[in-house]
C-alpha cells in the first residue's frame, strides 16, 4: 500500500528509461546486437539504482520507529525485496519491448534470456535493497548507493551480459549452464547477507 501511494517515484524512473531508450535509438539509428545487449544492461543498472534507492528514503524517522514496533525486520526486508524484484522485472519487460519496437528484432532465445535476467534481478535487488537500507541513515544517500553498489554488482552484470550475448547468438559458449549456476550462487549469497544483516542495521 505504501509503494502504491509512492508510485510517482517509480513511474518517473520508468519515464526516464523510456526517454533515454528513445533518444539513443533516434540518435544512433540501427544498433547492432552486441551494442543492444550492452545498452540493455547499462540502462537496467542505472534504473535499478534509481528505483531501489527510494526504498527507504521517503521513510521518516517516526515512520521507521512505527514500522519497527509493527514488523519483524526479516518480514519488512523480504517485502521490500519482493516489491523491488517486481519493479525491476517490469522495467526489464518495458526495456525489451522498446528495443524490439525500435530495432525490429526479437529475442533469438527468449527462454535463456529470461532465465539470465531473472537470476540477475534477484541478485541486483537483494544487494541494492541491503545497501539502500544502510545508506538511508546517511545524508549523502545517493552518493553512498553508487559507491557501495557498483563493486558488488559488477560480477552479476558481467555474467548476465555474457549469458545474454550467448542467448542472442552473438558469441558461442558451451559454459552457459555454469554461468547460470554462478548467478544462482551469487544470488544465494546476497539474499543470505540481506536476511542476516538487516536486523542489525534496522535496530541501529
N, C-alpha and C. Protein backbone atom coordinates (compact mmCIF):
# COMPACT_ATOMS: atom_id res chain seq x y z
N UNK A 1 0.83 -1.20 0.00
CA UNK A 1 0.00 0.00 0.00
C UNK A 1 0.86 1.25 0.00
N UNK A 2 1.96 1.21 0.77
CA UNK A 2 2.87 2.36 0.78
C UNK A 2 3.50 2.57 -0.59
N UNK A 3 3.90 1.46 -1.21
CA UNK A 3 4.52 1.56 -2.53
C UNK A 3 3.53 2.11 -3.56
N UNK A 4 2.27 1.75 -3.46
CA UNK A 4 1.26 2.28 -4.38
C UNK A 4 1.07 3.78 -4.17
N UNK A 5 1.10 4.22 -2.92
CA UNK A 5 0.95 5.65 -2.65
C UNK A 5 2.16 6.44 -3.14
N UNK A 6 3.33 5.80 -3.10
CA UNK A 6 4.57 6.47 -3.51
C UNK A 6 4.98 6.08 -4.93
N UNK A 7 4.03 5.67 -5.75
CA UNK A 7 4.34 5.14 -7.08
C UNK A 7 4.91 6.19 -8.03
N UNK A 8 4.77 7.48 -7.71
CA UNK A 8 5.28 8.51 -8.62
C UNK A 8 6.78 8.38 -8.83
N UNK A 9 7.52 7.96 -7.80
CA UNK A 9 8.98 7.85 -7.94
C UNK A 9 9.33 6.72 -8.91
N UNK A 10 8.58 5.61 -8.84
CA UNK A 10 8.84 4.50 -9.76
C UNK A 10 8.42 4.85 -11.18
N UNK A 11 7.29 5.50 -11.33
CA UNK A 11 6.83 5.88 -12.66
C UNK A 11 7.77 6.90 -13.31
N UNK A 12 8.35 7.77 -12.50
CA UNK A 12 9.32 8.72 -13.06
C UNK A 12 10.58 8.00 -13.53
N UNK A 13 10.97 6.94 -12.83
CA UNK A 13 12.12 6.15 -13.27
C UNK A 13 11.82 5.41 -14.57
N UNK A 14 10.60 4.90 -14.71
CA UNK A 14 10.20 4.26 -15.97
C UNK A 14 10.17 5.26 -17.11
N UNK A 15 9.69 6.47 -16.83
CA UNK A 15 9.68 7.51 -17.85
C UNK A 15 11.09 7.86 -18.29
N UNK A 16 12.01 7.92 -17.33
CA UNK A 16 13.43 8.15 -17.64
C UNK A 16 13.97 7.05 -18.54
N UNK A 17 13.62 5.80 -18.22
CA UNK A 17 14.07 4.66 -19.01
C UNK A 17 13.55 4.74 -20.44
N UNK A 18 12.27 5.04 -20.60
CA UNK A 18 11.67 5.14 -21.94
C UNK A 18 12.31 6.28 -22.72
N UNK A 19 12.50 7.43 -22.07
CA UNK A 19 13.04 8.60 -22.76
C UNK A 19 14.48 8.35 -23.23
N UNK A 20 15.31 7.77 -22.36
CA UNK A 20 16.70 7.52 -22.73
C UNK A 20 16.78 6.51 -23.87
N UNK A 21 15.97 5.45 -23.81
CA UNK A 21 15.97 4.45 -24.88
C UNK A 21 15.54 5.08 -26.20
N UNK A 22 14.52 5.90 -26.17
CA UNK A 22 14.04 6.57 -27.39
C UNK A 22 15.13 7.46 -27.98
N UNK A 23 15.78 8.24 -27.12
CA UNK A 23 16.82 9.16 -27.60
C UNK A 23 17.99 8.39 -28.21
N UNK A 24 18.41 7.32 -27.54
CA UNK A 24 19.55 6.53 -28.04
C UNK A 24 19.26 5.96 -29.42
N UNK A 25 18.09 5.39 -29.60
CA UNK A 25 17.77 4.78 -30.89
C UNK A 25 17.53 5.82 -31.97
N UNK A 26 17.05 7.00 -31.60
CA UNK A 26 16.87 8.05 -32.59
C UNK A 26 18.21 8.66 -33.01
N UNK A 27 19.14 8.71 -32.08
CA UNK A 27 20.46 9.30 -32.39
C UNK A 27 21.30 8.33 -33.21
N UNK A 28 21.36 7.06 -32.79
CA UNK A 28 22.25 6.10 -33.43
C UNK A 28 21.58 5.32 -34.56
N UNK A 29 20.26 5.41 -34.67
CA UNK A 29 19.58 4.66 -35.72
C UNK A 29 19.64 3.17 -35.45
N UNK A 30 20.18 2.42 -36.37
CA UNK A 30 20.28 0.97 -36.20
C UNK A 30 21.38 0.64 -35.20
N UNK A 31 21.05 -0.16 -34.20
CA UNK A 31 22.00 -0.56 -33.16
C UNK A 31 22.28 -2.04 -33.33
N UNK A 32 23.56 -2.39 -33.43
CA UNK A 32 23.95 -3.79 -33.61
C UNK A 32 23.67 -4.59 -32.34
N UNK A 33 23.60 -5.92 -32.51
CA UNK A 33 23.21 -6.80 -31.40
C UNK A 33 24.13 -6.67 -30.18
N UNK A 34 25.47 -6.67 -30.31
CA UNK A 34 26.31 -6.52 -29.11
C UNK A 34 26.07 -5.19 -28.39
N UNK A 35 25.91 -4.13 -29.16
CA UNK A 35 25.64 -2.81 -28.56
C UNK A 35 24.29 -2.81 -27.87
N UNK A 36 23.32 -3.50 -28.48
CA UNK A 36 21.98 -3.56 -27.90
C UNK A 36 21.99 -4.26 -26.55
N UNK A 37 22.75 -5.36 -26.45
CA UNK A 37 22.84 -6.08 -25.17
C UNK A 37 23.54 -5.20 -24.12
N UNK A 38 24.64 -4.56 -24.51
CA UNK A 38 25.34 -3.68 -23.58
C UNK A 38 24.47 -2.52 -23.13
N UNK A 39 23.72 -1.93 -24.07
CA UNK A 39 22.81 -0.84 -23.74
C UNK A 39 21.73 -1.30 -22.76
N UNK A 40 21.22 -2.51 -22.99
CA UNK A 40 20.19 -3.05 -22.10
C UNK A 40 20.68 -3.10 -20.66
N UNK A 41 21.89 -3.64 -20.45
CA UNK A 41 22.37 -3.82 -19.09
C UNK A 41 22.79 -2.51 -18.45
N UNK A 42 23.30 -1.58 -19.24
CA UNK A 42 23.64 -0.27 -18.67
C UNK A 42 22.38 0.45 -18.19
N UNK A 43 21.34 0.42 -19.01
CA UNK A 43 20.09 1.08 -18.63
C UNK A 43 19.43 0.39 -17.44
N UNK A 44 19.50 -0.94 -17.40
CA UNK A 44 18.93 -1.66 -16.26
C UNK A 44 19.70 -1.34 -14.98
N UNK A 45 21.02 -1.22 -15.08
CA UNK A 45 21.83 -0.89 -13.90
C UNK A 45 21.41 0.45 -13.30
N UNK A 46 21.35 1.49 -14.13
CA UNK A 46 21.02 2.81 -13.61
C UNK A 46 19.55 2.89 -13.18
N UNK A 47 18.68 2.18 -13.88
CA UNK A 47 17.27 2.16 -13.47
C UNK A 47 17.11 1.47 -12.12
N UNK A 48 17.83 0.36 -11.92
CA UNK A 48 17.72 -0.36 -10.64
C UNK A 48 18.23 0.50 -9.49
N UNK A 49 19.33 1.19 -9.69
CA UNK A 49 19.84 2.08 -8.64
C UNK A 49 18.84 3.20 -8.37
N UNK A 50 18.28 3.75 -9.44
CA UNK A 50 17.29 4.82 -9.32
C UNK A 50 16.06 4.36 -8.55
N UNK A 51 15.56 3.19 -8.91
CA UNK A 51 14.31 2.70 -8.33
C UNK A 51 14.50 2.28 -6.88
N UNK A 52 15.54 1.50 -6.61
CA UNK A 52 15.69 0.90 -5.28
C UNK A 52 16.25 1.88 -4.27
N UNK A 53 16.91 2.93 -4.73
CA UNK A 53 17.43 3.92 -3.78
C UNK A 53 16.31 4.62 -3.02
N UNK A 54 15.08 4.60 -3.56
CA UNK A 54 13.95 5.23 -2.88
C UNK A 54 13.23 4.28 -1.93
N UNK A 55 13.73 3.06 -1.76
CA UNK A 55 13.03 2.07 -0.94
C UNK A 55 12.82 2.54 0.49
N UNK A 56 13.83 3.20 1.05
CA UNK A 56 13.75 3.64 2.43
C UNK A 56 13.87 5.15 2.59
N UNK A 57 14.16 5.86 1.50
CA UNK A 57 14.49 7.28 1.63
C UNK A 57 13.30 8.12 2.06
N UNK A 58 12.05 7.71 1.63
CA UNK A 58 10.89 8.52 1.98
C UNK A 58 10.34 8.18 3.36
N UNK A 59 10.98 7.27 4.08
CA UNK A 59 10.53 6.93 5.43
C UNK A 59 11.11 7.93 6.43
N UNK A 60 10.26 8.61 7.13
CA UNK A 60 10.73 9.50 8.19
C UNK A 60 11.18 8.66 9.38
N UNK A 61 11.85 9.30 10.31
CA UNK A 61 12.31 8.57 11.50
C UNK A 61 11.13 8.05 12.31
N UNK A 62 10.04 8.83 12.36
CA UNK A 62 8.86 8.38 13.10
C UNK A 62 8.24 7.16 12.43
N UNK A 63 8.20 7.16 11.09
CA UNK A 63 7.62 6.01 10.39
C UNK A 63 8.49 4.77 10.58
N UNK A 64 9.83 4.96 10.55
CA UNK A 64 10.72 3.83 10.76
C UNK A 64 10.51 3.23 12.15
N UNK A 65 10.34 4.09 13.15
CA UNK A 65 10.11 3.60 14.51
C UNK A 65 8.76 2.89 14.60
N UNK A 66 7.76 3.42 13.90
CA UNK A 66 6.43 2.79 13.89
C UNK A 66 6.50 1.41 13.24
N UNK A 67 7.21 1.30 12.12
CA UNK A 67 7.37 0.01 11.45
C UNK A 67 8.18 -0.95 12.33
N UNK A 68 9.13 -0.41 13.07
CA UNK A 68 9.96 -1.26 13.95
C UNK A 68 9.10 -1.92 15.02
N UNK A 69 8.06 -1.22 15.48
CA UNK A 69 7.18 -1.79 16.50
C UNK A 69 6.16 -2.77 15.90
N UNK A 70 5.88 -2.64 14.60
CA UNK A 70 4.85 -3.47 13.97
C UNK A 70 5.39 -4.78 13.39
N UNK A 71 6.55 -4.70 12.74
CA UNK A 71 7.02 -5.83 11.95
C UNK A 71 8.36 -6.33 12.45
N UNK A 72 8.60 -7.59 12.16
CA UNK A 72 9.94 -8.13 12.36
C UNK A 72 10.82 -7.67 11.20
N UNK A 73 12.11 -7.45 11.44
CA UNK A 73 12.98 -6.94 10.37
C UNK A 73 12.99 -7.83 9.13
N UNK A 74 13.00 -9.16 9.32
CA UNK A 74 13.06 -10.07 8.17
C UNK A 74 11.80 -9.95 7.32
N UNK A 75 10.63 -9.82 7.99
CA UNK A 75 9.39 -9.63 7.25
C UNK A 75 9.44 -8.36 6.41
N UNK A 76 9.92 -7.29 7.01
CA UNK A 76 9.97 -5.99 6.34
C UNK A 76 10.90 -6.04 5.13
N UNK A 77 12.07 -6.61 5.31
CA UNK A 77 13.06 -6.57 4.23
C UNK A 77 12.66 -7.52 3.10
N UNK A 78 12.05 -8.66 3.41
CA UNK A 78 11.62 -9.57 2.35
C UNK A 78 10.50 -8.93 1.53
N UNK A 79 9.61 -8.19 2.21
CA UNK A 79 8.56 -7.48 1.48
C UNK A 79 9.17 -6.41 0.56
N UNK A 80 10.13 -5.67 1.07
CA UNK A 80 10.80 -4.65 0.24
C UNK A 80 11.53 -5.29 -0.93
N UNK A 81 12.23 -6.37 -0.65
CA UNK A 81 12.97 -7.06 -1.69
C UNK A 81 12.02 -7.60 -2.76
N UNK A 82 10.91 -8.17 -2.34
CA UNK A 82 9.94 -8.71 -3.29
C UNK A 82 9.37 -7.64 -4.20
N UNK A 83 8.99 -6.50 -3.62
CA UNK A 83 8.41 -5.43 -4.44
C UNK A 83 9.46 -4.83 -5.37
N UNK A 84 10.72 -4.80 -4.93
CA UNK A 84 11.79 -4.31 -5.80
C UNK A 84 12.03 -5.26 -6.96
N UNK A 85 11.92 -6.57 -6.71
CA UNK A 85 12.03 -7.56 -7.80
C UNK A 85 10.94 -7.32 -8.85
N UNK A 86 9.72 -7.10 -8.37
CA UNK A 86 8.61 -6.87 -9.30
C UNK A 86 8.85 -5.60 -10.12
N UNK A 87 9.32 -4.56 -9.46
CA UNK A 87 9.60 -3.29 -10.17
C UNK A 87 10.65 -3.49 -11.26
N UNK A 88 11.70 -4.21 -10.93
CA UNK A 88 12.78 -4.39 -11.90
C UNK A 88 12.38 -5.33 -13.04
N UNK A 89 11.54 -6.30 -12.74
CA UNK A 89 11.03 -7.18 -13.81
C UNK A 89 10.18 -6.37 -14.79
N UNK A 90 9.33 -5.50 -14.26
CA UNK A 90 8.51 -4.65 -15.13
C UNK A 90 9.39 -3.74 -15.97
N UNK A 91 10.42 -3.16 -15.35
CA UNK A 91 11.34 -2.29 -16.10
C UNK A 91 12.04 -3.06 -17.21
N UNK A 92 12.45 -4.31 -16.92
CA UNK A 92 13.10 -5.13 -17.94
C UNK A 92 12.18 -5.45 -19.10
N UNK A 93 10.92 -5.78 -18.78
CA UNK A 93 9.94 -6.07 -19.84
C UNK A 93 9.71 -4.84 -20.71
N UNK A 94 9.59 -3.68 -20.08
CA UNK A 94 9.40 -2.43 -20.83
C UNK A 94 10.59 -2.16 -21.74
N UNK A 95 11.81 -2.35 -21.21
CA UNK A 95 13.01 -2.08 -22.00
C UNK A 95 13.14 -3.05 -23.16
N UNK A 96 12.89 -4.33 -22.94
CA UNK A 96 12.95 -5.31 -24.03
C UNK A 96 11.91 -4.96 -25.10
N UNK A 97 10.71 -4.60 -24.66
CA UNK A 97 9.68 -4.21 -25.61
C UNK A 97 10.08 -3.01 -26.45
N UNK A 98 10.70 -2.02 -25.82
CA UNK A 98 11.15 -0.84 -26.55
C UNK A 98 12.25 -1.19 -27.55
N UNK A 99 13.18 -2.05 -27.12
CA UNK A 99 14.26 -2.43 -28.02
C UNK A 99 13.73 -3.21 -29.22
N UNK A 100 12.78 -4.09 -29.00
CA UNK A 100 12.18 -4.82 -30.12
C UNK A 100 11.44 -3.86 -31.05
N UNK A 101 10.75 -2.89 -30.46
CA UNK A 101 10.00 -1.92 -31.25
C UNK A 101 10.91 -1.06 -32.11
N UNK A 102 12.00 -0.57 -31.52
CA UNK A 102 12.88 0.35 -32.24
C UNK A 102 13.83 -0.36 -33.20
N UNK A 103 14.23 -1.59 -32.88
CA UNK A 103 15.19 -2.30 -33.72
C UNK A 103 14.54 -3.28 -34.69
N UNK A 104 13.25 -3.57 -34.47
CA UNK A 104 12.53 -4.55 -35.31
C UNK A 104 13.18 -5.93 -35.29
N UNK A 105 13.81 -6.25 -34.16
CA UNK A 105 14.44 -7.56 -33.99
C UNK A 105 14.01 -8.14 -32.65
N UNK A 106 13.46 -9.36 -32.68
CA UNK A 106 13.05 -10.01 -31.46
C UNK A 106 14.19 -10.76 -30.78
N UNK A 107 13.90 -11.35 -29.64
CA UNK A 107 14.89 -12.14 -28.93
C UNK A 107 15.07 -13.48 -29.62
N UNK A 108 16.31 -13.89 -29.81
CA UNK A 108 16.58 -15.15 -30.50
C UNK A 108 16.36 -16.36 -29.59
N UNK A 109 16.65 -16.21 -28.30
CA UNK A 109 16.42 -17.29 -27.34
C UNK A 109 15.78 -16.69 -26.09
N UNK A 110 14.47 -16.41 -26.15
CA UNK A 110 13.82 -15.72 -25.03
C UNK A 110 13.86 -16.48 -23.71
N UNK A 111 13.90 -17.82 -23.77
CA UNK A 111 13.92 -18.60 -22.53
C UNK A 111 15.23 -18.40 -21.78
N UNK A 112 16.36 -18.51 -22.48
CA UNK A 112 17.66 -18.30 -21.85
C UNK A 112 17.81 -16.86 -21.39
N UNK A 113 17.36 -15.92 -22.21
CA UNK A 113 17.42 -14.51 -21.83
C UNK A 113 16.61 -14.26 -20.56
N UNK A 114 15.42 -14.84 -20.47
CA UNK A 114 14.58 -14.65 -19.29
C UNK A 114 15.20 -15.28 -18.05
N UNK A 115 15.79 -16.47 -18.21
CA UNK A 115 16.45 -17.11 -17.08
C UNK A 115 17.59 -16.25 -16.54
N UNK A 116 18.42 -15.75 -17.45
CA UNK A 116 19.55 -14.92 -17.03
C UNK A 116 19.05 -13.64 -16.37
N UNK A 117 18.03 -13.04 -16.95
CA UNK A 117 17.54 -11.77 -16.39
C UNK A 117 16.92 -11.97 -15.01
N UNK A 118 16.13 -13.03 -14.85
CA UNK A 118 15.51 -13.27 -13.56
C UNK A 118 16.55 -13.51 -12.47
N UNK A 119 17.58 -14.29 -12.79
CA UNK A 119 18.65 -14.53 -11.81
C UNK A 119 19.38 -13.23 -11.47
N UNK A 120 19.60 -12.40 -12.47
CA UNK A 120 20.26 -11.12 -12.23
C UNK A 120 19.38 -10.20 -11.39
N UNK A 121 18.09 -10.21 -11.64
CA UNK A 121 17.17 -9.36 -10.87
C UNK A 121 17.21 -9.74 -9.39
N UNK A 122 17.23 -11.03 -9.09
CA UNK A 122 17.27 -11.47 -7.70
C UNK A 122 18.51 -10.94 -7.00
N UNK A 123 19.68 -11.07 -7.65
CA UNK A 123 20.91 -10.59 -7.04
C UNK A 123 20.98 -9.08 -6.96
N UNK A 124 20.59 -8.39 -8.04
CA UNK A 124 20.64 -6.93 -8.06
C UNK A 124 19.76 -6.34 -6.96
N UNK A 125 18.53 -6.82 -6.87
CA UNK A 125 17.61 -6.25 -5.89
C UNK A 125 18.02 -6.58 -4.46
N UNK A 126 18.55 -7.78 -4.23
CA UNK A 126 18.98 -8.13 -2.87
C UNK A 126 20.14 -7.23 -2.43
N UNK A 127 21.13 -7.06 -3.31
CA UNK A 127 22.28 -6.22 -2.96
C UNK A 127 21.86 -4.76 -2.78
N UNK A 128 21.07 -4.24 -3.71
CA UNK A 128 20.69 -2.83 -3.65
C UNK A 128 19.72 -2.54 -2.51
N UNK A 129 18.84 -3.49 -2.17
CA UNK A 129 17.94 -3.28 -1.04
C UNK A 129 18.72 -3.20 0.26
N UNK A 130 19.71 -4.06 0.42
CA UNK A 130 20.56 -4.01 1.62
C UNK A 130 21.31 -2.69 1.69
N UNK A 131 21.89 -2.27 0.58
CA UNK A 131 22.65 -1.02 0.56
C UNK A 131 21.74 0.18 0.80
N UNK A 132 20.52 0.13 0.24
CA UNK A 132 19.57 1.21 0.44
C UNK A 132 19.18 1.34 1.90
N UNK A 133 19.00 0.21 2.58
CA UNK A 133 18.63 0.26 4.00
C UNK A 133 19.76 0.84 4.85
N UNK A 134 21.00 0.57 4.44
CA UNK A 134 22.15 1.11 5.19
C UNK A 134 22.34 2.60 4.88
N UNK A 135 22.29 2.96 3.60
CA UNK A 135 22.57 4.33 3.20
C UNK A 135 21.45 5.29 3.55
N UNK A 136 20.25 4.78 3.90
CA UNK A 136 19.14 5.68 4.24
C UNK A 136 19.42 6.47 5.52
N UNK A 137 20.39 6.01 6.32
CA UNK A 137 20.75 6.73 7.55
C UNK A 137 21.83 7.78 7.29
N UNK A 138 22.29 7.87 6.04
CA UNK A 138 23.33 8.84 5.70
C UNK A 138 22.71 10.04 5.01
N UNK A 139 23.35 11.19 5.15
CA UNK A 139 22.86 12.40 4.48
C UNK A 139 23.18 12.37 2.99
N UNK A 140 24.20 11.63 2.60
CA UNK A 140 24.58 11.52 1.19
C UNK A 140 24.15 10.15 0.65
N UNK A 141 22.86 9.91 0.66
CA UNK A 141 22.36 8.58 0.32
C UNK A 141 22.67 8.19 -1.11
N UNK A 142 22.42 9.09 -2.07
CA UNK A 142 22.63 8.75 -3.48
C UNK A 142 24.09 8.44 -3.78
N UNK A 143 25.00 9.26 -3.22
CA UNK A 143 26.42 9.01 -3.43
C UNK A 143 26.85 7.69 -2.81
N UNK A 144 26.34 7.41 -1.62
CA UNK A 144 26.71 6.18 -0.93
C UNK A 144 26.17 4.96 -1.68
N UNK A 145 24.96 5.07 -2.24
CA UNK A 145 24.39 3.98 -3.02
C UNK A 145 25.29 3.63 -4.19
N UNK A 146 25.74 4.65 -4.93
CA UNK A 146 26.57 4.40 -6.11
C UNK A 146 27.92 3.81 -5.72
N UNK A 147 28.53 4.35 -4.66
CA UNK A 147 29.87 3.91 -4.25
C UNK A 147 29.85 2.46 -3.76
N UNK A 148 28.84 2.11 -2.94
CA UNK A 148 28.78 0.78 -2.38
C UNK A 148 28.25 -0.27 -3.34
N UNK A 149 27.35 0.14 -4.23
CA UNK A 149 26.66 -0.86 -5.06
C UNK A 149 27.47 -1.31 -6.27
N UNK A 150 28.16 -0.40 -6.93
CA UNK A 150 28.82 -0.75 -8.20
C UNK A 150 29.82 -1.90 -8.05
N UNK A 151 30.72 -1.89 -7.05
CA UNK A 151 31.64 -3.04 -6.94
C UNK A 151 30.92 -4.37 -6.71
N UNK A 152 29.79 -4.35 -5.99
CA UNK A 152 29.06 -5.59 -5.73
C UNK A 152 28.30 -6.09 -6.95
N UNK A 153 27.88 -5.16 -7.80
CA UNK A 153 27.03 -5.54 -8.92
C UNK A 153 27.80 -5.93 -10.18
N UNK A 154 29.09 -5.61 -10.23
CA UNK A 154 29.88 -5.90 -11.44
C UNK A 154 29.86 -7.40 -11.79
N UNK A 155 30.07 -8.33 -10.84
CA UNK A 155 30.02 -9.76 -11.23
C UNK A 155 28.68 -10.17 -11.81
N UNK A 156 27.58 -9.68 -11.23
CA UNK A 156 26.25 -10.02 -11.73
C UNK A 156 26.07 -9.49 -13.15
N UNK A 157 26.49 -8.24 -13.37
CA UNK A 157 26.32 -7.63 -14.69
C UNK A 157 27.16 -8.34 -15.74
N UNK A 158 28.39 -8.70 -15.40
CA UNK A 158 29.24 -9.38 -16.38
C UNK A 158 28.69 -10.75 -16.76
N UNK A 159 28.23 -11.50 -15.75
CA UNK A 159 27.67 -12.82 -16.04
C UNK A 159 26.35 -12.70 -16.81
N UNK A 160 25.53 -11.73 -16.42
CA UNK A 160 24.27 -11.53 -17.13
C UNK A 160 24.49 -11.12 -18.57
N UNK A 161 25.43 -10.22 -18.78
CA UNK A 161 25.72 -9.76 -20.14
C UNK A 161 26.28 -10.90 -20.99
N UNK A 162 27.16 -11.70 -20.40
CA UNK A 162 27.74 -12.82 -21.13
C UNK A 162 26.65 -13.83 -21.53
N UNK A 163 25.76 -14.14 -20.60
CA UNK A 163 24.69 -15.10 -20.89
C UNK A 163 23.73 -14.56 -21.94
N UNK A 164 23.42 -13.28 -21.86
CA UNK A 164 22.52 -12.68 -22.85
C UNK A 164 23.16 -12.63 -24.24
N UNK A 165 24.46 -12.42 -24.30
CA UNK A 165 25.14 -12.45 -25.60
C UNK A 165 25.09 -13.85 -26.20
N UNK A 166 25.16 -14.87 -25.34
CA UNK A 166 25.01 -16.25 -25.83
C UNK A 166 23.58 -16.47 -26.32
N UNK A 167 22.59 -15.96 -25.57
CA UNK A 167 21.20 -16.15 -25.96
C UNK A 167 20.88 -15.45 -27.27
N UNK A 168 21.57 -14.34 -27.55
CA UNK A 168 21.36 -13.62 -28.81
C UNK A 168 22.26 -14.13 -29.93
N UNK A 169 23.02 -15.21 -29.64
CA UNK A 169 23.90 -15.85 -30.62
C UNK A 169 24.97 -14.90 -31.15
N UNK A 170 25.38 -13.97 -30.30
CA UNK A 170 26.49 -13.09 -30.65
C UNK A 170 27.81 -13.83 -30.48
N UNK A 171 27.89 -14.65 -29.44
CA UNK A 171 29.05 -15.50 -29.21
C UNK A 171 28.57 -16.92 -28.97
N UNK A 172 29.48 -17.87 -29.12
CA UNK A 172 29.18 -19.27 -28.87
C UNK A 172 29.99 -19.72 -27.66
N UNK A 173 29.30 -20.22 -26.65
CA UNK A 173 29.97 -20.65 -25.43
C UNK A 173 29.17 -21.79 -24.82
N UNK A 174 29.82 -22.92 -24.63
CA UNK A 174 29.12 -24.09 -24.08
C UNK A 174 29.01 -24.05 -22.56
N UNK A 175 29.59 -23.05 -21.92
CA UNK A 175 29.57 -22.98 -20.46
C UNK A 175 28.40 -22.16 -19.94
N UNK A 176 27.34 -22.05 -20.73
CA UNK A 176 26.22 -21.19 -20.33
C UNK A 176 25.56 -21.69 -19.04
N UNK A 177 25.47 -23.01 -18.85
CA UNK A 177 24.89 -23.55 -17.62
C UNK A 177 25.73 -23.19 -16.39
N UNK A 178 27.05 -23.15 -16.59
CA UNK A 178 27.93 -22.74 -15.49
C UNK A 178 27.69 -21.28 -15.11
N UNK A 179 27.45 -20.43 -16.11
CA UNK A 179 27.17 -19.02 -15.82
C UNK A 179 25.87 -18.88 -15.03
N UNK A 180 24.86 -19.66 -15.41
CA UNK A 180 23.58 -19.61 -14.69
C UNK A 180 23.75 -20.10 -13.25
N UNK A 181 24.55 -21.16 -13.05
CA UNK A 181 24.81 -21.65 -11.70
C UNK A 181 25.57 -20.62 -10.87
N UNK A 182 26.53 -19.95 -11.51
CA UNK A 182 27.27 -18.90 -10.80
C UNK A 182 26.36 -17.76 -10.39
N UNK A 183 25.45 -17.37 -11.29
CA UNK A 183 24.48 -16.33 -10.94
C UNK A 183 23.60 -16.77 -9.77
N UNK A 184 23.17 -18.04 -9.80
CA UNK A 184 22.37 -18.56 -8.70
C UNK A 184 23.13 -18.56 -7.38
N UNK A 185 24.42 -18.91 -7.43
CA UNK A 185 25.23 -18.88 -6.21
C UNK A 185 25.41 -17.47 -5.66
N UNK A 186 25.64 -16.50 -6.55
CA UNK A 186 25.76 -15.11 -6.11
C UNK A 186 24.45 -14.63 -5.50
N UNK A 187 23.33 -15.03 -6.10
CA UNK A 187 22.02 -14.64 -5.56
C UNK A 187 21.84 -15.17 -4.15
N UNK A 188 22.20 -16.43 -3.92
CA UNK A 188 22.07 -17.03 -2.59
C UNK A 188 22.90 -16.26 -1.56
N UNK A 189 24.11 -15.87 -1.95
CA UNK A 189 24.98 -15.12 -1.04
C UNK A 189 24.36 -13.78 -0.67
N UNK A 190 23.87 -13.03 -1.68
CA UNK A 190 23.31 -11.71 -1.42
C UNK A 190 22.02 -11.78 -0.61
N UNK A 191 21.18 -12.77 -0.91
CA UNK A 191 19.94 -12.92 -0.14
C UNK A 191 20.25 -13.29 1.30
N UNK A 192 21.23 -14.16 1.50
CA UNK A 192 21.63 -14.53 2.87
C UNK A 192 22.16 -13.31 3.62
N UNK A 193 22.99 -12.51 2.96
CA UNK A 193 23.51 -11.29 3.60
C UNK A 193 22.38 -10.34 3.95
N UNK A 194 21.41 -10.23 3.04
CA UNK A 194 20.27 -9.35 3.28
C UNK A 194 19.50 -9.77 4.53
N UNK A 195 19.23 -11.05 4.66
CA UNK A 195 18.45 -11.55 5.79
C UNK A 195 19.26 -11.49 7.09
N UNK A 196 20.57 -11.71 7.01
CA UNK A 196 21.40 -11.73 8.21
C UNK A 196 21.64 -10.33 8.75
N UNK A 197 21.96 -9.38 7.87
CA UNK A 197 22.41 -8.07 8.33
C UNK A 197 21.28 -7.07 8.55
N UNK A 198 20.11 -7.29 7.94
CA UNK A 198 19.06 -6.27 8.09
C UNK A 198 18.57 -6.10 9.53
N UNK A 199 18.48 -7.17 10.36
CA UNK A 199 18.07 -6.91 11.75
C UNK A 199 19.05 -6.00 12.49
N UNK A 200 20.34 -6.13 12.18
CA UNK A 200 21.35 -5.30 12.85
C UNK A 200 21.24 -3.85 12.41
N UNK A 201 21.14 -3.63 11.09
CA UNK A 201 21.08 -2.24 10.60
C UNK A 201 19.77 -1.58 10.99
N UNK A 202 18.66 -2.33 10.97
CA UNK A 202 17.37 -1.73 11.29
C UNK A 202 17.28 -1.37 12.78
N UNK A 203 17.83 -2.23 13.62
CA UNK A 203 17.78 -1.94 15.06
C UNK A 203 18.60 -0.71 15.40
N UNK A 204 19.72 -0.53 14.69
CA UNK A 204 20.57 0.64 14.97
C UNK A 204 19.89 1.93 14.54
